Amino acid sequence: MTSTDADGTQDGGPEATPAAIEQARGVLRPQSAAARAVLTTVPPVPDLAPFVEFHWNVRWDLRGQPPYDQKVLSHPSVHLVFEEPEPVLYGVDRGLFVRRLEGQGQVLGVKFRPGGFRPFWGRPVQELSDRTVPAHRYFGAEVDEANGRILAQSEPAAMAALADAFLLDRLPEPDPQAAEVAAMVETATGDHALVRVEQLADRCGVSVRTLQRLFAEYVGASPKWVLRRARLHEAAQRAGEGSVDWAALAADLGYADQAHLSRDFTAVVGLPPTTYARYSATGGSVT
């Protein structure tokens, strides 16, 4: 997907910001995606910033073209997506998320911070893991009404403003524990030297058992999964950048050897990293 900020700056272009590039992390085969769809991200209003990382809008026009299956290595976040035929809550997808794009359309997603949906949900976020739930089951009929208004907008910023207004009317009390868990996830995803749950627990100053309980309650994925997914995000991004020294990358990411990285990557993405890198560079078909 071609990716832009709300101000029009394009991800991957000469003026792309590191933050914008990071927001597109996890989108597989980005060159192929960019030929078919545009991704725009919009920050939330300040009152929602403790809960929401950003809004994302994807729009496409594939009329007269075959459908396209976009694959994404999901993040440890819950998403509220305004889409047809109805808005949906997406829990953390611990496998590989696949979305089929066909015809013409657009969606607006709200990406909650890790732990950020727990104050809205009021229950363990693990209940949503690997699930999609019609949003009206939690938000009521008002979310369906908001869905129509949001999708009728032509500009991502206008769509995001309506989503902000909808959530602000339902703003929960701040949860200090959610902020602490978000910081734990940031630690896990930001330091590739952390490869074991015990290391992360020690860095965060809690026991392994406490860490696992907090992640189940607030994140919806285990600490081990978060550590592993962060390494796969980095591997996929590096693979898409060109020539890769796979043995060095494996060592950088804390794998025992290149074979271990290859097995881990293939198990989730469905392709060995060398094959993925080749098709990412050309934008060609995997078949």
C-alpha atoms as a PDB file:
ATOM      1  CA  MET A   1       0.000   0.000   0.000  1.00  0.00           C
ATOM      2  CA  THR A   2       1.166   3.482  -0.769  1.00  0.00           C
ATOM      3  CA  SER A   3       1.100   5.140   2.635  1.00  0.00           C
ATOM      4  CA  THR A   4       0.593   8.778   3.516  1.00  0.00           C
ATOM      5  CA  ASP A   5       0.198  10.866   6.618  1.00  0.00           C
ATOM      6  CA  ALA A   6      -2.839  13.123   6.841  1.00  0.00           C
ATOM      7  CA  ASP A   7      -0.666  15.964   5.526  1.00  0.00           C
ATOM      8  CA  GLY A   8      -0.017  14.011   2.335  1.00  0.00           C
ATOM      9  CA  THR A   9       3.562  12.918   3.039  1.00  0.00           C
ATOM     10  CA  GLN A  10       4.067   9.547   1.384  1.00  0.00           C
ATOM     11  CA  ASP A  11       5.636   6.606   3.216  1.00  0.00           C
ATOM     12  CA  GLY A  12       8.677   5.233   1.463  1.00  0.00           C
ATOM     13  CA  GLY A  13       9.154   8.428  -0.587  1.00  0.00           C
ATOM     14  CA  PRO A  14      11.921  10.978  -0.163  1.00  0.00           C
ATOM     15  CA  GLU A  15       9.959  12.924   2.451  1.00  0.00           C
ATOM     16  CA  ALA A  16       8.665   9.951   4.420  1.00  0.00           C
ATOM     17  CA  THR A  17       9.113  10.289   8.159  1.00  0.00           C
ATOM     18  CA  PRO A  18      10.385   7.462  10.386  1.00  0.00           C
ATOM     19  CA  ALA A  19       7.080   7.571  12.275  1.00  0.00           C
ATOM     20  CA  ALA A  20       5.082   7.163   9.070  1.00  0.00           C
ATOM     21  CA  ILE A  21       7.217   4.239   7.932  1.00  0.00           C
ATOM     22  CA  GLU A  22       6.802   2.604  11.330  1.00  0.00           C
ATOM     23  CA  GLN A  23       3.022   2.907  11.053  1.00  0.00           C
ATOM     24  CA  ALA A  24       3.093   0.790   7.864  1.00  0.00           C
ATOM     25  CA  ARG A  25       5.302  -1.875   9.439  1.00  0.00           C
ATOM     26  CA  GLY A  26       3.797  -5.319   9.088  1.00  0.00           C
ATOM     27  CA  VAL A  27       2.256  -4.737   5.634  1.00  0.00           C
ATOM     28  CA  LEU A  28       3.756  -7.545   3.568  1.00  0.00           C
ATOM     29  CA  ARG A  29       5.045  -7.025   0.028  1.00  0.00           C
ATOM     30  CA  PRO A  30       4.630  -3.263   0.292  1.00  0.00           C
ATOM     31  CA  GLN A  31       5.546  -2.542  -3.349  1.00  0.00           C
ATOM     32  CA  SER A  32       2.771  -4.802  -4.564  1.00  0.00           C
ATOM     33  CA  ALA A  33       0.366  -3.277  -2.039  1.00  0.00           C
ATOM     34  CA  ALA A  34       1.297   0.260  -3.082  1.00  0.00           C
ATOM     35  CA  ALA A  35       0.178  -0.477  -6.638  1.00  0.00           C
ATOM     36  CA  ARG A  36      -3.301  -1.320  -5.431  1.00  0.00           C
ATOM     37  CA  ALA A  37      -4.212   0.740  -2.385  1.00  0.00           C
ATOM     38  CA  VAL A  38      -3.429   3.921  -0.473  1.00  0.00           C
ATOM     39  CA  LEU A  39      -2.916   3.897   3.287  1.00  0.00           C
ATOM     40  CA  THR A  40      -3.305   7.174   5.182  1.00  0.00           C
ATOM     41  CA  THR A  41      -2.782   7.558   8.918  1.00  0.00           C
ATOM     42  CA  VAL A  42      -4.286  10.273  11.124  1.00  0.00           C
ATOM     43  CA  PRO A  43      -3.410  10.898  14.807  1.00  0.00           C
ATOM     44  CA  PRO A  44      -6.215  10.905  17.373  1.00  0.00           C
ATOM     45  CA  VAL A  45      -7.250  13.966  19.347  1.00  0.00           C
ATOM     46  CA  PRO A  46      -5.179  14.467  22.539  1.00  0.00           C
ATOM     47  CA  ASP A  47      -7.844  13.095  24.895  1.00  0.00           C
ATOM     48  CA  LEU A  48      -7.780   9.781  23.011  1.00  0.00           C
ATOM     49  CA  ALA A  49      -3.994   9.561  22.698  1.00  0.00           C
ATOM     50  CA  PRO A  50      -3.596   7.442  25.873  1.00  0.00           C
ATOM     51  CA  PHE A  51      -5.869   4.837  24.279  1.00  0.00           C
ATOM     52  CA  VAL A  52      -5.480   5.160  20.500  1.00  0.00           C
ATOM     53  CA  GLU A  53      -2.224   5.046  18.547  1.00  0.00           C
ATOM     54  CA  PHE A  54      -3.648   6.325  15.250  1.00  0.00           C
ATOM     55  CA  HIS A  55      -6.471   6.020  12.743  1.00  0.00           C
ATOM     56  CA  TRP A  56      -5.759   4.371   9.400  1.00  0.00           C
ATOM     57  CA  ASN A  57      -7.661   4.710   6.160  1.00  0.00           C
ATOM     58  CA  VAL A  58      -7.203   2.288   3.258  1.00  0.00           C
ATOM     59  CA  ARG A  59      -8.844   3.063  -0.060  1.00  0.00           C
ATOM     60  CA  TRP A  60      -8.607   1.125  -3.305  1.00  0.00           C
ATOM     61  CA  ASP A  61      -9.997   1.021  -6.835  1.00  0.00           C
ATOM     62  CA  LEU A  62      -9.531  -2.377  -8.448  1.00  0.00           C
ATOM     63  CA  ARG A  63     -12.443  -2.163 -10.847  1.00  0.00           C
ATOM     64  CA  GLY A  64     -11.590  -4.229 -13.905  1.00  0.00           C
ATOM     65  CA  GLN A  65      -8.716  -5.898 -12.037  1.00  0.00           C
ATOM     66  CA  PRO A  66      -8.552  -9.188 -10.162  1.00  0.00           C
ATOM     67  CA  PRO A  67      -9.044  -9.212  -6.371  1.00  0.00           C
ATOM     68  CA  TYR A  68      -5.932  -8.779  -4.274  1.00  0.00           C
ATOM     69  CA  ASP A  69      -5.220 -10.494  -0.968  1.00  0.00           C
ATOM     70  CA  GLN A  70      -3.251  -8.149   1.270  1.00  0.00           C
ATOM     71  CA  LYS A  71      -1.355  -9.930   4.030  1.00  0.00           C
ATOM     72  CA  VAL A  72      -0.325  -8.258   7.266  1.00  0.00           C
ATOM     73  CA  LEU A  73       1.814  -9.333  10.202  1.00  0.00           C
ATOM     74  CA  SER A  74      -0.488  -7.970  12.888  1.00  0.00           C
ATOM     75  CA  HIS A  75       0.627  -5.911  15.863  1.00  0.00           C
ATOM     76  CA  PRO A  76      -0.388  -6.549  19.499  1.00  0.00           C
ATOM     77  CA  SER A  77      -3.331  -4.167  19.130  1.00  0.00           C
ATOM     78  CA  VAL A  78      -7.108  -4.269  18.920  1.00  0.00           C
ATOM     79  CA  HIS A  79      -8.679  -2.463  15.950  1.00  0.00           C
ATOM     80  CA  LEU A  80     -12.137  -0.977  15.531  1.00  0.00           C
ATOM     81  CA  VAL A  81     -12.771  -0.923  11.786  1.00  0.00           C
ATOM     82  CA  PHE A  82     -15.532   1.054  10.111  1.00  0.00           C
ATOM     83  CA  GLU A  83     -16.312  -0.883   6.933  1.00  0.00           C
ATOM     84  CA  GLU A  84     -19.066  -2.436   4.844  1.00  0.00           C
ATOM     85  CA  PRO A  85     -21.375  -4.127   5.607  1.00  0.00           C
ATOM     86  CA  GLU A  86     -20.861  -3.299   9.314  1.00  0.00           C
ATOM     87  CA  PRO A  87     -18.165  -2.077  11.705  1.00  0.00           C
ATOM     88  CA  VAL A  88     -16.091  -4.795  13.320  1.00  0.00           C
ATOM     89  CA  LEU A  89     -13.808  -5.238  16.319  1.00  0.00           C
ATOM     90  CA  TYR A  90     -10.653  -7.154  15.405  1.00  0.00           C
ATOM     91  CA  GLY A  91      -8.770  -8.799  18.242  1.00  0.00           C
ATOM     92  CA  VAL A  92      -5.044  -9.488  18.024  1.00  0.00           C
ATOM     93  CA  ASP A  93      -4.510 -11.871  15.113  1.00  0.00           C
ATOM     94  CA  ARG A  94      -1.746 -14.169  16.258  1.00  0.00           C
ATOM     95  CA  GLY A  95      -1.400 -15.730  12.815  1.00  0.00           C
ATOM     96  CA  LEU A  96      -1.290 -13.913   9.489  1.00  0.00           C
ATOM     97  CA  PHE A  97      -4.072 -11.418   8.792  1.00  0.00           C
ATOM     98  CA  VAL A  98      -5.383 -11.513   5.215  1.00  0.00           C
ATOM     99  CA  ARG A  99      -7.790  -8.948   3.750  1.00  0.00           C
ATOM    100  CA  ARG A 100      -9.208  -9.314   0.240  1.00  0.00           C
ATOM    101  CA  LEU A 101      -9.491  -6.087  -1.742  1.00  0.00           C
ATOM    102  CA  GLU A 102     -11.822  -6.067  -4.725  1.00  0.00           C
ATOM    103  CA  GLY A 103     -13.853  -3.543  -6.646  1.00  0.00           C
ATOM    104  CA  GLN A 104     -13.706  -0.073  -5.131  1.00  0.00           C
ATOM    105  CA  GLY A 105     -13.919   0.861  -1.484  1.00  0.00           C
ATOM    106  CA  GLN A 106     -12.397   2.228   1.667  1.00  0.00           C
ATOM    107  CA  VAL A 107     -12.261   1.474   5.380  1.00  0.00           C
ATOM    108  CA  LEU A 108     -11.278   3.443   8.460  1.00  0.00           C
ATOM    109  CA  GLY A 109      -9.552   1.643  11.293  1.00  0.00           C
ATOM    110  CA  VAL A 110      -8.868   2.760  14.839  1.00  0.00           C
ATOM    111  CA  LYS A 111      -5.658   1.182  16.074  1.00  0.00           C
ATOM    112  CA  PHE A 112      -5.732   1.049  19.867  1.00  0.00           C
ATOM    113  CA  ARG A 113      -2.478   1.104  21.752  1.00  0.00           C
ATOM    114  CA  PRO A 114      -1.447  -2.224  23.281  1.00  0.00           C
ATOM    115  CA  GLY A 115      -3.621  -2.350  26.389  1.00  0.00           C
ATOM    116  CA  GLY A 116      -5.542   0.707  25.223  1.00  0.00           C
ATOM    117  CA  PHE A 117      -8.778  -1.092  24.473  1.00  0.00           C
ATOM    118  CA  ARG A 118      -8.970  -2.738  27.899  1.00  0.00           C
ATOM    119  CA  PRO A 119     -10.537   0.355  29.590  1.00  0.00           C
ATOM    120  CA  PHE A 120     -13.259   0.442  26.890  1.00  0.00           C
ATOM    121  CA  TRP A 121     -13.795  -3.329  26.886  1.00  0.00           C
ATOM    122  CA  GLY A 122     -13.810  -3.816  30.638  1.00  0.00           C
ATOM    123  CA  ARG A 123     -12.812  -7.475  30.346  1.00  0.00           C
ATOM    124  CA  PRO A 124      -9.649  -9.456  29.540  1.00  0.00           C
ATOM    125  CA  VAL A 125      -8.603  -8.523  26.005  1.00  0.00           C
ATOM    126  CA  GLN A 126      -7.570 -12.128  25.463  1.00  0.00           C
ATOM    127  CA  GLU A 127     -11.287 -12.839  24.948  1.00  0.00           C
ATOM    128  CA  LEU A 128     -10.943 -11.082  21.571  1.00  0.00           C
ATOM    129  CA  SER A 129      -7.751 -12.809  20.426  1.00  0.00           C
ATOM    130  CA  ASP A 130      -7.981 -14.263  16.902  1.00  0.00           C
ATOM    131  CA  ARG A 131     -11.618 -13.141  16.702  1.00  0.00           C
ATOM    132  CA  THR A 132     -13.667 -10.613  14.788  1.00  0.00           C
ATOM    133  CA  VAL A 133     -16.779  -9.365  16.552  1.00  0.00           C
ATOM    134  CA  PRO A 134     -19.519  -7.099  15.140  1.00  0.00           C
ATOM    135  CA  ALA A 135     -18.898  -3.778  16.868  1.00  0.00           C
ATOM    136  CA  HIS A 136     -22.566  -3.291  17.790  1.00  0.00           C
ATOM    137  CA  ARG A 137     -22.287  -6.175  20.261  1.00  0.00           C
ATOM    138  CA  TYR A 138     -20.216  -3.868  22.422  1.00  0.00           C
ATOM    139  CA  PHE A 139     -20.993  -0.322  21.263  1.00  0.00           C
ATOM    140  CA  GLY A 140     -24.675  -0.832  20.417  1.00  0.00           C
ATOM    141  CA  ALA A 141     -26.629   0.416  17.396  1.00  0.00           C
ATOM    142  CA  GLU A 142     -24.904   3.824  17.555  1.00  0.00           C
ATOM    143  CA  VAL A 143     -21.749   2.355  16.042  1.00  0.00           C
ATOM    144  CA  ASP A 144     -23.691   1.219  12.968  1.00  0.00           C
ATOM    145  CA  GLU A 145     -25.047   4.744  12.551  1.00  0.00           C
ATOM    146  CA  ALA A 146     -21.528   6.168  12.914  1.00  0.00           C
ATOM    147  CA  ASN A 147     -20.306   3.661  10.345  1.00  0.00           C
ATOM    148  CA  GLY A 148     -22.536   5.117   7.650  1.00  0.00           C
ATOM    149  CA  ARG A 149     -21.503   8.701   8.422  1.00  0.00           C
ATOM    150  CA  ILE A 150     -17.808   7.853   8.479  1.00  0.00           C
ATOM    151  CA  LEU A 151     -17.771   5.898   5.221  1.00  0.00           C
ATOM    152  CA  ALA A 152     -19.682   8.700   3.493  1.00  0.00           C
ATOM    153  CA  GLN A 153     -16.710  11.036   3.985  1.00  0.00           C
ATOM    154  CA  SER A 154     -14.204  11.566   1.197  1.00  0.00           C
ATOM    155  CA  GLU A 155     -11.230  12.674   3.305  1.00  0.00           C
ATOM    156  CA  PRO A 156      -9.386  10.560   5.889  1.00  0.00           C
ATOM    157  CA  ALA A 157      -9.146  13.469   8.330  1.00  0.00           C
ATOM    158  CA  ALA A 158     -12.911  13.951   8.268  1.00  0.00           C
ATOM    159  CA  MET A 159     -13.447  10.230   8.816  1.00  0.00           C
ATOM    160  CA  ALA A 160     -11.029  10.236  11.740  1.00  0.00           C
ATOM    161  CA  ALA A 161     -12.729  13.262  13.294  1.00  0.00           C
ATOM    162  CA  LEU A 162     -16.058  11.428  13.345  1.00  0.00           C
ATOM    163  CA  ALA A 163     -14.415   8.340  14.842  1.00  0.00           C
ATOM    164  CA  ASP A 164     -12.788  10.538  17.491  1.00  0.00           C
ATOM    165  CA  ALA A 165     -16.160  12.079  18.353  1.00  0.00           C
ATOM    166  CA  PHE A 166     -17.752   8.649  18.647  1.00  0.00           C
ATOM    167  CA  LEU A 167     -15.067   7.407  21.038  1.00  0.00           C
ATOM    168  CA  LEU A 168     -14.909  10.630  23.055  1.00  0.00           C
ATOM    169  CA  ASP A 169     -18.582  10.179  23.921  1.00  0.00           C
ATOM    170  CA  ARG A 170     -17.616   6.816  25.428  1.00  0.00           C
ATOM    171  CA  LEU A 171     -14.289   7.762  26.952  1.00  0.00           C
ATOM    172  CA  PRO A 172     -13.442   5.523  29.920  1.00  0.00           C
ATOM    173  CA  GLU A 173     -11.527   6.486  33.005  1.00  0.00           C
ATOM    174  CA  PRO A 174      -7.746   6.294  32.551  1.00  0.00           C
ATOM    175  CA  ASP A 175      -6.256   2.978  33.640  1.00  0.00           C
ATOM    176  CA  PRO A 176      -2.693   3.412  34.965  1.00  0.00           C
ATOM    177  CA  GLN A 177      -2.132  -0.316  34.540  1.00  0.00           C
ATOM    178  CA  ALA A 178      -2.894  -0.030  30.816  1.00  0.00           C
ATOM    179  CA  ALA A 179      -0.219   2.631  30.450  1.00  0.00           C
ATOM    180  CA  GLU A 180       2.280   0.413  32.278  1.00  0.00           C
ATOM    181  CA  VAL A 181       1.499  -2.535  30.013  1.00  0.00           C
ATOM    182  CA  ALA A 182       1.839  -0.337  26.926  1.00  0.00           C
ATOM    183  CA  ALA A 183       5.312   0.612  28.141  1.00  0.00           C
ATOM    184  CA  MET A 184       6.142  -3.086  28.599  1.00  0.00           C
ATOM    185  CA  VAL A 185       5.091  -3.818  25.026  1.00  0.00           C
ATOM    186  CA  GLU A 186       7.151  -0.881  23.782  1.00  0.00           C
ATOM    187  CA  THR A 187      10.150  -2.314  25.609  1.00  0.00           C
ATOM    188  CA  ALA A 188       9.537  -5.738  24.061  1.00  0.00           C
ATOM    189  CA  THR A 189       9.199  -4.398  20.527  1.00  0.00           C
ATOM    190  CA  GLY A 190      11.924  -1.780  20.707  1.00  0.00           C
ATOM    191  CA  ASP A 191      14.873  -3.845  21.894  1.00  0.00           C
ATOM    192  CA  HIS A 192      15.728  -6.853  19.719  1.00  0.00           C
ATOM    193  CA  ALA A 193      18.282  -7.980  22.295  1.00  0.00           C
ATOM    194  CA  LEU A 194      15.295  -9.119  24.363  1.00  0.00           C
ATOM    195  CA  VAL A 195      14.503 -12.593  23.069  1.00  0.00           C
ATOM    196  CA  ARG A 196      13.252 -14.433  26.156  1.00  0.00           C
ATOM    197  CA  VAL A 197      10.274 -13.737  28.378  1.00  0.00           C
ATOM    198  CA  GLU A 198      12.513 -13.931  31.430  1.00  0.00           C
ATOM    199  CA  GLN A 199      14.647 -11.092  30.054  1.00  0.00           C
ATOM    200  CA  LEU A 200      11.596  -8.937  29.424  1.00  0.00           C
ATOM    201  CA  ALA A 201      10.173  -9.618  32.884  1.00  0.00           C
ATOM    202  CA  ASP A 202      13.490  -8.677  34.471  1.00  0.00           C
ATOM    203  CA  ARG A 203      13.682  -5.473  32.410  1.00  0.00           C
ATOM    204  CA  CYS A 204      10.126  -4.555  33.433  1.00  0.00           C
ATOM    205  CA  GLY A 205      10.710  -5.378  37.081  1.00  0.00           C
ATOM    206  CA  VAL A 206       7.975  -8.007  37.401  1.00  0.00           C
ATOM    207  CA  SER A 207       7.811 -11.766  37.631  1.00  0.00           C
ATOM    208  CA  VAL A 208       7.258 -13.894  34.530  1.00  0.00           C
ATOM    209  CA  ARG A 209       3.894 -14.933  35.890  1.00  0.00           C
ATOM    210  CA  THR A 210       2.807 -11.330  36.433  1.00  0.00           C
ATOM    211  CA  LEU A 211       3.986 -10.371  32.956  1.00  0.00           C
ATOM    212  CA  GLN A 212       1.995 -13.213  31.398  1.00  0.00           C
ATOM    213  CA  ARG A 213      -1.123 -12.283  33.376  1.00  0.00           C
ATOM    214  CA  LEU A 214      -0.911  -8.619  32.420  1.00  0.00           C
ATOM    215  CA  PHE A 215      -0.438  -9.414  28.734  1.00  0.00           C
ATOM    216  CA  ALA A 216      -3.427 -11.764  28.734  1.00  0.00           C
ATOM    217  CA  GLU A 217      -5.574  -9.162  30.499  1.00  0.00           C
ATOM    218  CA  TYR A 218      -4.514  -6.064  28.568  1.00  0.00           C
ATOM    219  CA  VAL A 219      -2.804  -7.076  25.303  1.00  0.00           C
ATOM    220  CA  GLY A 220      -4.476 -10.262  24.134  1.00  0.00           C
ATOM    221  CA  ALA A 221      -1.208 -11.990  23.252  1.00  0.00           C
ATOM    222  CA  SER A 222       1.524 -13.573  25.331  1.00  0.00           C
ATOM    223  CA  PRO A 223       4.878 -11.889  25.991  1.00  0.00           C
ATOM    224  CA  LYS A 224       6.541 -14.645  23.962  1.00  0.00           C
ATOM    225  CA  TRP A 225       4.316 -13.885  20.972  1.00  0.00           C
ATOM    226  CA  VAL A 226       5.006 -10.139  21.223  1.00  0.00           C
ATOM    227  CA  LEU A 227       8.771 -10.717  21.298  1.00  0.00           C
ATOM    228  CA  ARG A 228       8.590 -13.111  18.361  1.00  0.00           C
ATOM    229  CA  ARG A 229       6.317 -10.869  16.307  1.00  0.00           C
ATOM    230  CA  ALA A 230       8.631  -7.874  16.791  1.00  0.00           C
ATOM    231  CA  ARG A 231      11.507  -9.892  15.352  1.00  0.00           C
ATOM    232  CA  LEU A 232       9.395 -10.982  12.375  1.00  0.00           C
ATOM    233  CA  HIS A 233       8.369  -7.373  11.730  1.00  0.00           C
ATOM    234  CA  GLU A 234      12.024  -6.402  11.588  1.00  0.00           C
ATOM    235  CA  ALA A 235      12.935  -9.366   9.389  1.00  0.00           C
ATOM    236  CA  ALA A 236      10.143  -8.586   6.917  1.00  0.00           C
ATOM    237  CA  GLN A 237      11.075  -4.921   6.747  1.00  0.00           C
ATOM    238  CA  ARG A 238      14.756  -5.661   6.213  1.00  0.00           C
ATOM    239  CA  ALA A 239      13.896  -8.283   3.587  1.00  0.00           C
ATOM    240  CA  GLY A 240      11.977  -5.676   1.630  1.00  0.00           C
ATOM    241  CA  GLU A 241      14.869  -3.213   1.641  1.00  0.00           C
ATOM    242  CA  GLY A 242      17.137  -5.176  -0.699  1.00  0.00           C
ATOM    243  CA  SER A 243      20.175  -7.393  -0.260  1.00  0.00           C
ATOM    244  CA  VAL A 244      20.227  -9.017   3.160  1.00  0.00           C
ATOM    245  CA  ASP A 245      22.970 -10.844   5.034  1.00  0.00           C
ATOM    246  CA  TRP A 246      20.636 -13.413   6.525  1.00  0.00           C
ATOM    247  CA  ALA A 247      23.156 -14.889   8.943  1.00  0.00           C
ATOM    248  CA  ALA A 248      23.937 -11.424  10.310  1.00  0.00           C
ATOM    249  CA  LEU A 249      20.248 -10.540  10.524  1.00  0.00           C
ATOM    250  CA  ALA A 250      19.522 -13.744  12.409  1.00  0.00           C
ATOM    251  CA  ALA A 251      22.249 -12.868  14.893  1.00  0.00           C
ATOM    252  CA  ASP A 252      20.989  -9.273  15.207  1.00  0.00           C
ATOM    253  CA  LEU A 253      17.495 -10.536  16.041  1.00  0.00           C
ATOM    254  CA  GLY A 254      18.684 -13.058  18.609  1.00  0.00           C
ATOM    255  CA  TYR A 255      18.081 -16.234  16.613  1.00  0.00           C
ATOM    256  CA  ALA A 256      20.383 -19.175  17.207  1.00  0.00           C
ATOM    257  CA  ASP A 257      21.192 -19.311  13.492  1.00  0.00           C
ATOM    258  CA  GLN A 258      19.868 -18.478  10.033  1.00  0.00           C
ATOM    259  CA  ALA A 259      17.918 -21.742   9.842  1.00  0.00           C
ATOM    260  CA  HIS A 260      15.977 -20.828  12.987  1.00  0.00           C
ATOM    261  CA  LEU A 261      15.027 -17.446  11.500  1.00  0.00           C
ATOM    262  CA  SER A 262      13.970 -19.115   8.259  1.00  0.00           C
ATOM    263  CA  ARG A 263      11.753 -21.640  10.042  1.00  0.00           C
ATOM    264  CA  ASP A 264      10.120 -18.962  12.192  1.00  0.00           C
ATOM    265  CA  PHE A 265       9.493 -16.654   9.227  1.00  0.00           C
ATOM    266  CA  THR A 266       8.186 -19.411   6.950  1.00  0.00           C
ATOM    267  CA  ALA A 267       5.808 -20.748   9.590  1.00  0.00           C
ATOM    268  CA  VAL A 268       3.986 -17.398   9.794  1.00  0.00           C
ATOM    269  CA  VAL A 269       4.430 -15.767   6.389  1.00  0.00           C
ATOM    270  CA  GLY A 270       4.201 -18.954   4.331  1.00  0.00           C
ATOM    271  CA  LEU A 271       7.400 -18.242   2.383  1.00  0.00           C
ATOM    272  CA  PRO A 272      11.075 -18.574   3.277  1.00  0.00           C
ATOM    273  CA  PRO A 273      12.573 -15.135   3.906  1.00  0.00           C
ATOM    274  CA  THR A 274      14.823 -15.346   0.829  1.00  0.00           C
ATOM    275  CA  THR A 275      11.820 -16.035  -1.407  1.00  0.00           C
ATOM    276  CA  TYR A 276       9.805 -13.305   0.280  1.00  0.00           C
ATOM    277  CA  ALA A 277      12.659 -10.831  -0.245  1.00  0.00           C
ATOM    278  CA  ARG A 278      12.857 -11.665  -3.952  1.00  0.00           C
ATOM    279  CA  TYR A 279       9.150 -11.092  -4.581  1.00  0.00           C
ATOM    280  CA  SER A 280       9.033  -8.008  -2.362  1.00  0.00           C
ATOM    281  CA  ALA A 281      11.830  -6.426  -4.402  1.00  0.00           C
ATOM    282  CA  THR A 282      10.169  -7.082  -7.760  1.00  0.00           C
ATOM    283  CA  GLY A 283       6.541  -6.593  -6.735  1.00  0.00           C
ATOM    284  CA  GLY A 284       5.779  -9.679  -8.795  1.00  0.00           C
ATOM    285  CA  SER A 285       3.439 -12.569  -8.153  1.00  0.00           C
ATOM    286  CA  VAL A 286       4.449 -15.257  -5.699  1.00  0.00           C
ATOM    287  CA  THR A 287       2.900 -17.968  -7.855  1.00  0.00           C
END
